[in-house]
Amino acid sequence: MAKDLEGISQAPGALPIVGHLFPLLRDPLRFLKTLPAHGDLVQIRLGPQKAVVACRPELVQEVLLHDRMYDKGGPIIERIGNALGNGLASCPHSVHRRQRRSLQPAFSRTCLREYAAIMTQQIDTLAIGWSDGQDFDVAEQMYTFASDTIAQTLFTAESAGPAVDTVKECLPDIFRGIYQQAVFPPWLSRLPIPPNLRYERARNRAWAEVSKTISMYRQDDESHGDVLSMLLKTQDDAGELLGDAEIHAQIMTLLVAGIESTAVALTWALHLLCQNPDVQERLRTETVKVLGTRTATWDDLPRLDLARRVITETLRLYPPGWILTRTTTTEARLADAVIPAGTTLIYSPYLIHHDARFNPRPDCFDPDRWLPDQQHMRGTFIPFGGGARKCIGDNYAMTLATLALSTIVAQWRFLSADHQLPHVEPRMTLTPHGVRARVECLQGIRTGSTATV
């Protein structure tokens, strides 16, 4: 077993061979919340491997801002790389800047405005597809909406349809497998047990369909005005076109991460509005004043302030990427402790967001904490990471979620279909299960035929 790090306290409960496997699988959120009581830096065990959890926002900021010293790595990032390829989410510092430059044009303000038009079309389809009094699974609806919308951004050719359908179907097993294999001891992650087999099957199916789509685009030799067409024409620093492996990794990353994080955030937002009808009514007042009965557009965004605050507060309570890892490339000093090269560092947006020292009433849903006159300690809100490795799609995600939530609430009233709290499954996102809602059509809103859900 690796040596303990001098001056860094150890979390209790580690077992021989498996370390903290059981609390990390059984109730990792509760386990994380216990760690600050043991220090600003706390050692835990992932199997026989030691890892250090940073429990203060200023320490997390130091890790995020010094991405050369604290490079992408560790078991979670390694499993993300295995699942999605060596793309922007998992590539090392040495190639990150080049990869970021190749993708950045797709997330310019001009492109975001164009994407917003696609978002509006998809939101309109979603919002008129329900019937008054209908009861449905919110997550199922949001996954379909997110996958359809993001697919229209990445691929506009009809030939990409099977890839999108396959990725959506495989997402639960991929994200569950990434987390499970990251916390499993290495020997357990290699065994042909059902969780590992489900992950491998899902990963291989998604990879194959995305590869097929890239090949069809290359053979088509036609620009479809989408992100994949842009990547196929992008040149690297040497003037060479990007290879299939890199294009595949970027498309997998954008498709998988985009669908999952957007769907999860919207599902939690609607659940929280069901639980807080006063906030839902305030939001409806704002959105109806701005939108009337129409679908939100890009030009409406500056006037949808409460909707944006609701999404922001949802991301604080349930950050999609709730736990991530880095690896020290050289000996580092953090909180007066010496961290040897090759050490796995863990940071958790969920842990920082739910620490009462930095976020008063951390478990309370309060969008008004994000009003302009409220003060926040730097680094206490990190759902998209930070530094040079901050999520490239943060503005895309906030735009999509704000437009969708505003339109939905302006046209429909959401009521909880049952009174049980949803089950939270910690995989690579904090995925809610059992979020059912009944919708009531507001007066004057046109609805479509009853959807089958």
Protein backbone atom coordinates (compact mmCIF):
# COMPACT_ATOMS: atom_id res chain seq x y z
CA MET A 1 0.00 0.00 0.00
CA ALA A 2 1.20 3.53 -0.81
CA LYS A 3 2.74 5.55 2.04
CA ASP A 4 0.56 8.02 3.85
CA LEU A 5 1.33 11.67 3.13
CA GLU A 6 2.99 13.52 5.98
CA GLY A 7 0.88 16.21 7.60
CA ILE A 8 -2.36 15.25 5.83
CA SER A 9 -5.05 13.60 7.93
CA GLN A 10 -6.70 10.38 6.84
CA ALA A 11 -10.41 9.80 6.54
CA PRO A 12 -11.51 6.99 8.86
CA GLY A 13 -13.09 3.78 7.65
CA ALA A 14 -10.65 2.63 4.96
CA LEU A 15 -10.48 -1.16 4.63
CA PRO A 16 -7.54 -3.25 3.43
CA ILE A 17 -7.45 -3.73 -0.35
CA VAL A 18 -10.71 -1.88 -1.11
CA GLY A 19 -10.05 1.36 0.82
CA HIS A 20 -13.15 3.59 0.96
CA LEU A 21 -14.94 1.65 -1.78
CA PHE A 22 -18.11 0.99 0.21
CA PRO A 23 -18.95 4.57 1.28
CA LEU A 24 -18.01 5.80 -2.21
CA LEU A 25 -20.51 3.39 -3.74
CA ARG A 26 -23.18 3.38 -1.04
CA ASP A 27 -23.51 7.09 -0.21
CA PRO A 28 -20.60 9.13 -1.59
CA LEU A 29 -22.31 12.49 -1.03
CA ARG A 30 -22.66 11.89 2.68
CA PHE A 31 -19.08 10.58 2.82
CA LEU A 32 -17.76 13.71 1.10
CA LYS A 33 -19.57 15.97 3.55
CA THR A 34 -17.76 14.30 6.47
CA LEU A 35 -14.28 15.07 5.13
CA PRO A 36 -13.85 18.79 6.05
CA ALA A 37 -14.10 17.82 9.72
CA HIS A 38 -10.74 16.06 9.28
CA GLY A 39 -8.87 18.97 7.69
CA ASP A 40 -8.47 21.18 4.64
CA LEU A 41 -6.72 18.31 2.86
CA VAL A 42 -7.84 14.76 3.60
CA GLN A 43 -6.48 11.44 2.40
CA ILE A 44 -8.86 8.79 1.17
CA ARG A 45 -8.19 5.41 -0.44
CA LEU A 46 -9.33 4.29 -3.87
CA GLY A 47 -8.48 0.65 -3.45
CA PRO A 48 -4.81 0.58 -2.47
CA GLN A 49 -4.17 3.98 -4.05
CA LYS A 50 -4.09 7.11 -1.91
CA ALA A 51 -5.83 10.27 -3.05
CA VAL A 52 -6.02 13.73 -1.48
CA VAL A 53 -9.32 15.62 -1.32
CA ALA A 54 -9.14 19.43 -1.28
CA CYS A 55 -11.87 20.70 1.06
CA ARG A 56 -11.54 24.48 0.75
CA PRO A 57 -12.39 26.65 -2.29
CA GLU A 58 -9.06 28.50 -2.33
CA LEU A 59 -7.22 25.16 -2.50
CA VAL A 60 -9.47 23.96 -5.31
CA GLN A 61 -8.82 27.25 -7.16
CA GLU A 62 -5.07 26.72 -6.83
CA VAL A 63 -5.45 23.28 -8.38
CA LEU A 64 -7.67 24.56 -11.20
CA LEU A 65 -5.54 27.60 -12.04
CA HIS A 66 -2.20 25.74 -12.12
CA ASP A 67 -3.16 23.11 -14.67
CA ARG A 68 0.43 22.36 -15.64
CA MET A 69 1.32 21.31 -12.10
CA TYR A 70 -2.09 19.72 -11.40
CA ASP A 71 -2.70 18.07 -14.75
CA LYS A 72 -5.76 16.15 -15.89
CA GLY A 73 -5.30 12.65 -14.53
CA GLY A 74 -6.29 10.29 -11.75
CA PRO A 75 -8.84 7.47 -11.93
CA ILE A 76 -11.91 9.52 -12.88
CA ILE A 77 -10.19 11.40 -15.70
CA GLU A 78 -8.58 8.17 -16.90
CA ARG A 79 -11.99 6.50 -17.10
CA ILE A 80 -13.45 9.53 -18.90
CA GLY A 81 -10.63 9.21 -21.42
CA ASN A 82 -11.35 5.51 -21.81
CA ALA A 83 -15.04 6.19 -22.38
CA LEU A 84 -14.88 9.27 -24.60
CA GLY A 85 -11.37 9.33 -26.06
CA ASN A 86 -8.50 11.73 -25.48
CA GLY A 87 -10.60 14.84 -26.06
CA LEU A 88 -10.91 18.20 -24.38
CA ALA A 89 -12.32 16.77 -21.13
CA SER A 90 -9.43 14.39 -20.45
CA CYS A 91 -6.41 15.35 -22.57
CA PRO A 92 -3.17 16.33 -20.77
CA HIS A 93 -1.91 19.90 -20.50
CA SER A 94 0.59 19.33 -23.31
CA VAL A 95 -2.14 19.13 -25.97
CA HIS A 96 -4.98 21.00 -24.32
CA ARG A 97 -4.28 24.44 -25.76
CA ARG A 98 -4.16 23.10 -29.32
CA GLN A 99 -7.38 21.12 -28.81
CA ARG A 100 -9.11 24.11 -27.22
CA ARG A 101 -8.17 26.32 -30.17
CA SER A 102 -9.61 23.80 -32.62
CA LEU A 103 -12.99 23.80 -30.84
CA GLN A 104 -13.24 27.41 -29.65
CA PRO A 105 -14.70 28.79 -32.92
CA ALA A 106 -17.71 26.48 -32.48
CA PHE A 107 -18.54 28.25 -29.19
CA SER A 108 -18.14 31.87 -30.30
CA ARG A 109 -20.92 34.35 -29.58
CA THR A 110 -21.91 34.28 -33.25
CA CYS A 111 -22.27 30.52 -33.19
CA LEU A 112 -24.16 30.60 -29.89
CA ARG A 113 -26.70 32.94 -31.45
CA GLU A 114 -27.15 30.47 -34.32
CA TYR A 115 -27.45 27.56 -31.90
CA ALA A 116 -30.09 29.51 -29.96
CA ALA A 117 -32.33 29.45 -33.04
CA ILE A 118 -32.05 25.63 -33.07
CA MET A 119 -32.76 25.58 -29.34
CA THR A 120 -35.91 27.66 -29.82
CA GLN A 121 -37.21 25.24 -32.46
CA GLN A 122 -36.60 22.23 -30.21
CA ILE A 123 -38.13 23.95 -27.16
CA ASP A 124 -41.24 24.77 -29.17
CA THR A 125 -41.59 21.10 -30.13
CA LEU A 126 -41.20 20.06 -26.49
CA ALA A 127 -43.54 22.67 -25.04
CA ILE A 128 -46.49 21.95 -27.34
CA GLY A 129 -46.16 18.18 -27.07
CA TRP A 130 -47.81 17.78 -23.66
CA SER A 131 -51.48 17.60 -22.69
CA ASP A 132 -53.28 19.26 -19.81
CA GLY A 133 -53.13 17.01 -16.74
CA GLN A 134 -50.48 14.73 -18.21
CA ASP A 135 -48.24 12.85 -15.78
CA PHE A 136 -44.75 11.91 -16.98
CA ASP A 137 -41.18 11.07 -16.08
CA VAL A 138 -39.37 14.42 -16.21
CA ALA A 139 -35.90 12.94 -16.78
CA GLU A 140 -37.10 10.94 -19.77
CA GLN A 141 -38.55 14.06 -21.37
CA MET A 142 -35.47 16.15 -20.66
CA TYR A 143 -33.08 13.50 -22.05
CA THR A 144 -35.04 13.38 -25.30
CA PHE A 145 -35.10 17.17 -25.51
CA ALA A 146 -31.38 17.55 -24.73
CA SER A 147 -30.28 14.83 -27.15
CA ASP A 148 -32.42 16.22 -29.99
CA THR A 149 -31.18 19.77 -29.42
CA ILE A 150 -27.48 18.99 -29.04
CA ALA A 151 -27.59 16.59 -31.98
CA GLN A 152 -28.92 19.37 -34.20
CA THR A 153 -25.94 21.48 -33.16
CA LEU A 154 -23.30 18.82 -33.76
CA PHE A 155 -24.83 17.08 -36.77
CA THR A 156 -27.47 18.29 -39.17
CA ALA A 157 -27.20 15.42 -41.66
CA GLU A 158 -29.94 12.79 -41.32
CA SER A 159 -27.28 10.08 -41.43
CA ALA A 160 -26.24 11.05 -37.87
CA GLY A 161 -29.59 10.01 -36.39
CA PRO A 162 -28.58 6.45 -35.41
CA ALA A 163 -25.49 7.72 -33.59
CA VAL A 164 -27.53 10.13 -31.48
CA ASP A 165 -30.11 7.47 -30.62
CA THR A 166 -27.40 4.98 -29.66
CA VAL A 167 -25.46 7.44 -27.51
CA LYS A 168 -28.63 8.47 -25.68
CA GLU A 169 -29.47 4.81 -25.01
CA CYS A 170 -25.94 4.06 -23.80
CA LEU A 171 -25.48 7.11 -21.59
CA PRO A 172 -26.66 5.61 -18.27
CA ASP A 173 -24.30 2.62 -18.49
CA ILE A 174 -21.40 4.78 -19.68
CA PHE A 175 -21.68 7.34 -16.87
CA ARG A 176 -22.41 4.70 -14.24
CA GLY A 177 -19.41 2.70 -15.45
CA ILE A 178 -17.01 5.66 -15.43
CA TYR A 179 -17.70 6.32 -11.75
CA GLN A 180 -17.79 2.69 -10.65
CA GLN A 181 -14.53 1.80 -12.38
CA ALA A 182 -12.87 4.92 -10.99
CA VAL A 183 -13.56 3.89 -7.38
CA PHE A 184 -13.12 0.13 -7.91
CA PRO A 185 -9.72 -1.31 -7.00
CA PRO A 186 -7.82 -1.92 -10.27
CA TRP A 187 -8.21 -5.69 -10.04
CA LEU A 188 -11.98 -5.39 -9.66
CA SER A 189 -12.39 -3.04 -12.64
CA ARG A 190 -10.74 -5.70 -14.85
CA LEU A 191 -13.01 -8.58 -13.88
CA PRO A 192 -15.83 -9.63 -16.25
CA ILE A 193 -18.53 -8.77 -13.72
CA PRO A 194 -21.92 -7.39 -14.88
CA PRO A 195 -21.21 -3.66 -14.19
CA ASN A 196 -17.96 -3.82 -16.16
CA LEU A 197 -19.54 -5.74 -19.02
CA ARG A 198 -22.46 -3.30 -19.28
CA TYR A 199 -20.03 -0.39 -19.41
CA GLU A 200 -17.87 -1.97 -22.10
CA ARG A 201 -20.87 -2.86 -24.26
CA ALA A 202 -22.32 0.63 -23.98
CA ARG A 203 -19.00 2.31 -24.68
CA ASN A 204 -18.26 0.13 -27.71
CA ARG A 205 -21.72 0.65 -29.20
CA ALA A 206 -21.51 4.44 -28.84
CA TRP A 207 -17.98 4.56 -30.25
CA ALA A 208 -18.96 2.46 -33.27
CA GLU A 209 -21.94 4.64 -34.18
CA VAL A 210 -20.03 7.90 -33.84
CA SER A 211 -17.18 6.46 -35.94
CA LYS A 212 -19.69 5.46 -38.60
CA THR A 213 -21.11 8.99 -38.67
CA ILE A 214 -17.66 10.55 -39.07
CA SER A 215 -16.92 8.19 -41.97
CA MET A 216 -20.20 9.09 -43.67
CA TYR A 217 -19.46 12.81 -43.32
CA ARG A 218 -16.00 12.30 -44.84
CA GLN A 219 -17.45 10.35 -47.78
CA ASP A 220 -20.19 12.94 -48.25
CA ASP A 221 -17.54 15.70 -48.56
CA GLU A 222 -20.25 18.31 -48.03
CA SER A 223 -20.31 20.97 -45.35
CA HIS A 224 -23.50 20.76 -43.32
CA GLY A 225 -22.75 23.89 -41.32
CA ASP A 226 -22.50 21.96 -38.06
CA VAL A 227 -19.74 21.26 -35.53
CA LEU A 228 -18.66 17.98 -37.11
CA SER A 229 -18.29 19.63 -40.53
CA MET A 230 -16.19 22.37 -38.92
CA LEU A 231 -13.90 19.84 -37.21
CA LEU A 232 -13.38 17.93 -40.44
CA LYS A 233 -11.97 21.12 -41.99
CA THR A 234 -9.94 22.25 -38.98
CA GLN A 235 -6.14 22.16 -39.26
CA ASP A 236 -3.73 21.59 -36.40
CA ASP A 237 -0.65 23.73 -35.61
CA ALA A 238 1.31 21.97 -38.36
CA GLY A 239 -1.35 22.72 -40.96
CA GLU A 240 -2.59 19.12 -41.06
CA LEU A 241 -6.25 18.17 -40.89
CA LEU A 242 -7.35 16.65 -37.59
CA GLY A 243 -7.26 12.86 -37.49
CA ASP A 244 -10.30 10.70 -36.97
CA ALA A 245 -9.25 9.79 -33.41
CA GLU A 246 -9.23 13.40 -32.24
CA ILE A 247 -12.45 14.30 -34.06
CA HIS A 248 -14.08 11.20 -32.60
CA ALA A 249 -12.96 12.15 -29.07
CA GLN A 250 -14.26 15.71 -29.37
CA ILE A 251 -17.63 14.66 -30.79
CA MET A 252 -18.06 11.96 -28.14
CA THR A 253 -17.19 14.47 -25.43
CA LEU A 254 -19.56 17.17 -26.67
CA LEU A 255 -22.40 14.76 -27.38
CA VAL A 256 -22.21 12.64 -24.24
CA ALA A 257 -21.34 15.39 -21.76
CA GLY A 258 -23.74 17.86 -23.36
CA ILE A 259 -26.76 15.59 -23.30
CA GLU A 260 -26.17 14.26 -19.81
CA SER A 261 -25.38 17.55 -18.06
CA THR A 262 -28.21 19.50 -19.72
CA ALA A 263 -30.85 16.84 -19.12
CA VAL A 264 -29.82 16.37 -15.50
CA ALA A 265 -29.79 20.12 -14.78
CA LEU A 266 -33.24 20.69 -16.29
CA THR A 267 -34.68 17.67 -14.47
CA TRP A 268 -33.42 18.96 -11.12
CA ALA A 269 -34.60 22.51 -11.89
CA LEU A 270 -38.15 21.35 -12.60
CA HIS A 271 -38.12 19.14 -9.49
CA LEU A 272 -37.02 22.10 -7.36
CA LEU A 273 -39.74 24.30 -8.84
CA CYS A 274 -42.32 21.63 -7.98
CA GLN A 275 -41.02 21.64 -4.42
CA ASN A 276 -41.00 25.45 -4.28
CA PRO A 277 -44.23 26.62 -5.94
CA ASP A 278 -43.69 30.20 -4.76
CA VAL A 279 -40.48 30.40 -6.79
CA GLN A 280 -42.24 28.76 -9.73
CA GLU A 281 -44.95 31.44 -9.63
CA ARG A 282 -42.38 34.24 -9.42
CA LEU A 283 -40.58 32.75 -12.40
CA ARG A 284 -43.83 32.46 -14.33
CA THR A 285 -44.60 36.12 -13.68
CA GLU A 286 -41.22 37.13 -15.08
CA THR A 287 -41.33 34.88 -18.12
CA VAL A 288 -44.92 35.65 -19.09
CA LYS A 289 -44.11 39.36 -18.93
CA VAL A 290 -41.18 38.81 -21.29
CA LEU A 291 -42.55 36.06 -23.54
CA GLY A 292 -46.31 36.06 -23.36
CA THR A 293 -47.13 32.66 -24.88
CA ARG A 294 -44.25 32.45 -27.34
CA THR A 295 -41.01 30.46 -27.13
CA ALA A 296 -37.92 32.17 -25.71
CA THR A 297 -35.20 33.31 -28.11
CA TRP A 298 -31.63 34.56 -27.88
CA ASP A 299 -32.75 38.21 -27.70
CA ASP A 300 -34.84 37.46 -24.60
CA LEU A 301 -31.89 36.26 -22.51
CA PRO A 302 -30.99 39.62 -20.87
CA ARG A 303 -34.54 39.88 -19.45
CA LEU A 304 -34.75 36.31 -18.11
CA ASP A 305 -32.81 37.03 -14.95
CA LEU A 306 -34.74 34.86 -12.48
CA ALA A 307 -34.67 31.90 -14.86
CA ARG A 308 -30.88 32.17 -15.03
CA ARG A 309 -30.69 32.39 -11.24
CA VAL A 310 -32.86 29.28 -10.89
CA ILE A 311 -30.51 27.37 -13.18
CA THR A 312 -27.47 28.71 -11.32
CA GLU A 313 -28.91 27.65 -7.96
CA THR A 314 -29.79 24.24 -9.39
CA LEU A 315 -26.17 23.80 -10.51
CA ARG A 316 -25.01 24.76 -7.02
CA LEU A 317 -27.21 22.16 -5.36
CA TYR A 318 -26.68 19.44 -7.97
CA PRO A 319 -23.54 20.14 -10.00
CA PRO A 320 -23.47 17.66 -12.91
CA GLY A 321 -19.72 17.02 -12.60
CA TRP A 322 -19.75 16.52 -8.85
CA ILE A 323 -16.34 14.86 -8.36
CA LEU A 324 -13.17 15.07 -10.48
CA THR A 325 -9.50 14.18 -10.25
CA ARG A 326 -6.15 15.73 -11.14
CA THR A 327 -2.58 14.43 -10.87
CA THR A 328 0.49 16.32 -9.66
CA THR A 329 3.19 16.40 -12.34
CA THR A 330 5.87 17.66 -9.94
CA GLU A 331 6.21 17.99 -6.18
CA ALA A 332 3.72 20.63 -5.08
CA ARG A 333 2.89 22.54 -1.90
CA LEU A 334 -0.77 22.88 -1.04
CA ALA A 335 -2.05 24.23 2.30
CA ASP A 336 1.50 23.96 3.69
CA ALA A 337 1.61 20.25 2.84
CA VAL A 338 4.10 18.74 0.41
CA ILE A 339 2.33 16.72 -2.29
CA PRO A 340 4.65 14.33 -4.14
CA ALA A 341 4.61 14.08 -7.92
CA GLY A 342 2.15 11.49 -9.18
CA THR A 343 -0.37 12.06 -6.37
CA THR A 344 -4.07 11.92 -7.23
CA LEU A 345 -5.94 15.04 -6.12
CA ILE A 346 -9.73 15.05 -5.84
CA TYR A 347 -11.97 18.09 -5.86
CA SER A 348 -15.72 18.06 -5.56
CA PRO A 349 -17.96 20.95 -6.61
CA TYR A 350 -20.71 19.27 -4.59
CA LEU A 351 -18.57 19.35 -1.44
CA ILE A 352 -17.64 23.01 -1.85
CA HIS A 353 -21.19 24.04 -2.80
CA HIS A 354 -22.65 22.31 0.28
CA ASP A 355 -20.16 23.56 2.87
CA ALA A 356 -21.95 25.99 5.23
CA ARG A 357 -18.69 27.84 5.83
CA PHE A 358 -18.79 29.15 2.27
CA ASN A 359 -22.47 28.91 1.26
CA PRO A 360 -24.95 29.88 4.01
CA ARG A 361 -27.92 27.52 4.26
CA PRO A 362 -26.23 25.24 1.72
CA ASP A 363 -29.08 22.75 1.36
CA CYS A 364 -31.73 25.44 0.84
CA PHE A 365 -32.96 26.24 -2.67
CA ASP A 366 -32.63 30.03 -2.89
CA PRO A 367 -32.17 31.59 -6.34
CA ASP A 368 -31.99 35.03 -4.72
CA ARG A 369 -28.57 34.22 -3.31
CA TRP A 370 -27.40 35.03 -6.87
CA LEU A 371 -28.81 38.56 -6.95
CA PRO A 372 -26.16 41.14 -7.91
CA ASP A 373 -25.94 42.61 -4.42
CA GLN A 374 -25.06 39.28 -2.81
CA GLN A 375 -21.42 38.60 -1.96
CA HIS A 376 -19.76 35.27 -2.70
CA MET A 377 -16.32 34.05 -1.78
CA ARG A 378 -14.22 33.41 -4.86
CA GLY A 379 -14.22 29.79 -5.96
CA THR A 380 -17.33 28.72 -4.04
CA PHE A 381 -19.31 28.08 -7.25
CA ILE A 382 -17.52 25.80 -9.68
CA PRO A 383 -20.03 23.65 -11.62
CA PHE A 384 -18.03 24.22 -14.82
CA GLY A 385 -14.57 23.97 -13.26
CA GLY A 386 -12.17 26.87 -13.68
CA GLY A 387 -8.92 28.12 -15.10
CA ALA A 388 -7.79 27.15 -18.58
CA ARG A 389 -9.71 23.88 -18.32
CA LYS A 390 -13.08 25.48 -17.59
CA CYS A 391 -15.86 23.75 -19.53
CA ILE A 392 -15.91 25.10 -23.10
CA GLY A 393 -19.68 24.62 -23.29
CA ASP A 394 -20.66 26.58 -20.17
CA ASN A 395 -22.36 29.42 -22.07
CA TYR A 396 -24.05 26.95 -24.42
CA ALA A 397 -25.44 25.00 -21.46
CA MET A 398 -26.66 28.10 -19.61
CA THR A 399 -28.29 29.46 -22.77
CA LEU A 400 -30.12 26.22 -23.52
CA ALA A 401 -31.28 25.67 -19.94
CA THR A 402 -32.45 29.28 -19.49
CA LEU A 403 -34.40 29.37 -22.75
CA ALA A 404 -35.99 25.99 -22.10
CA LEU A 405 -36.95 26.61 -18.47
CA SER A 406 -38.41 30.05 -19.23
CA THR A 407 -40.62 28.75 -22.03
CA ILE A 408 -41.79 25.70 -20.12
CA VAL A 409 -42.76 27.64 -17.00
CA ALA A 410 -44.47 30.39 -18.98
CA GLN A 411 -46.74 27.85 -20.67
CA TRP A 412 -47.15 25.09 -18.07
CA ARG A 413 -47.57 24.73 -14.34
CA PHE A 414 -45.56 21.83 -12.90
CA LEU A 415 -46.88 19.87 -9.93
CA SER A 416 -45.27 16.90 -8.20
CA ALA A 417 -46.96 13.68 -9.26
CA ASP A 418 -45.90 12.07 -5.98
CA HIS A 419 -44.46 13.28 -2.72
CA GLN A 420 -41.38 11.07 -2.57
CA LEU A 421 -37.99 12.68 -3.00
CA PRO A 422 -36.13 11.43 -6.06
CA HIS A 423 -33.39 8.88 -5.66
CA VAL A 424 -29.98 10.37 -6.47
CA GLU A 425 -27.66 8.02 -8.30
CA PRO A 426 -24.07 9.28 -8.13
CA ARG A 427 -22.51 8.26 -11.39
CA MET A 428 -20.44 10.80 -13.31
CA THR A 429 -23.39 13.14 -12.81
CA LEU A 430 -25.84 13.42 -9.93
CA THR A 431 -28.64 11.69 -11.77
CA PRO A 432 -32.18 11.91 -10.36
CA HIS A 433 -34.52 8.94 -10.58
CA GLY A 434 -38.23 9.05 -9.88
CA VAL A 435 -38.92 12.68 -10.79
CA ARG A 436 -42.52 12.55 -11.97
CA ALA A 437 -44.61 15.63 -12.59
CA ARG A 438 -48.11 16.54 -13.68
CA VAL A 439 -48.47 19.52 -15.98
CA GLU A 440 -51.36 21.96 -16.16
CA CYS A 441 -51.79 23.98 -19.32
CA LEU A 442 -52.08 27.68 -18.58
CA GLN A 443 -54.95 29.61 -20.13
CA GLY A 444 -54.43 30.62 -23.73
CA ILE A 445 -51.57 28.19 -24.41
CA ARG A 446 -51.89 25.91 -27.41
CA THR A 447 -50.91 22.30 -26.76
CA GLY A 448 -50.29 19.37 -29.02
CA SER A 449 -51.73 15.89 -28.86
CA THR A 450 -51.10 13.66 -25.90
CA ALA A 451 -47.55 12.36 -25.93
CA THR A 452 -46.77 8.78 -25.10
CA VAL A 453 -44.37 8.75 -22.17
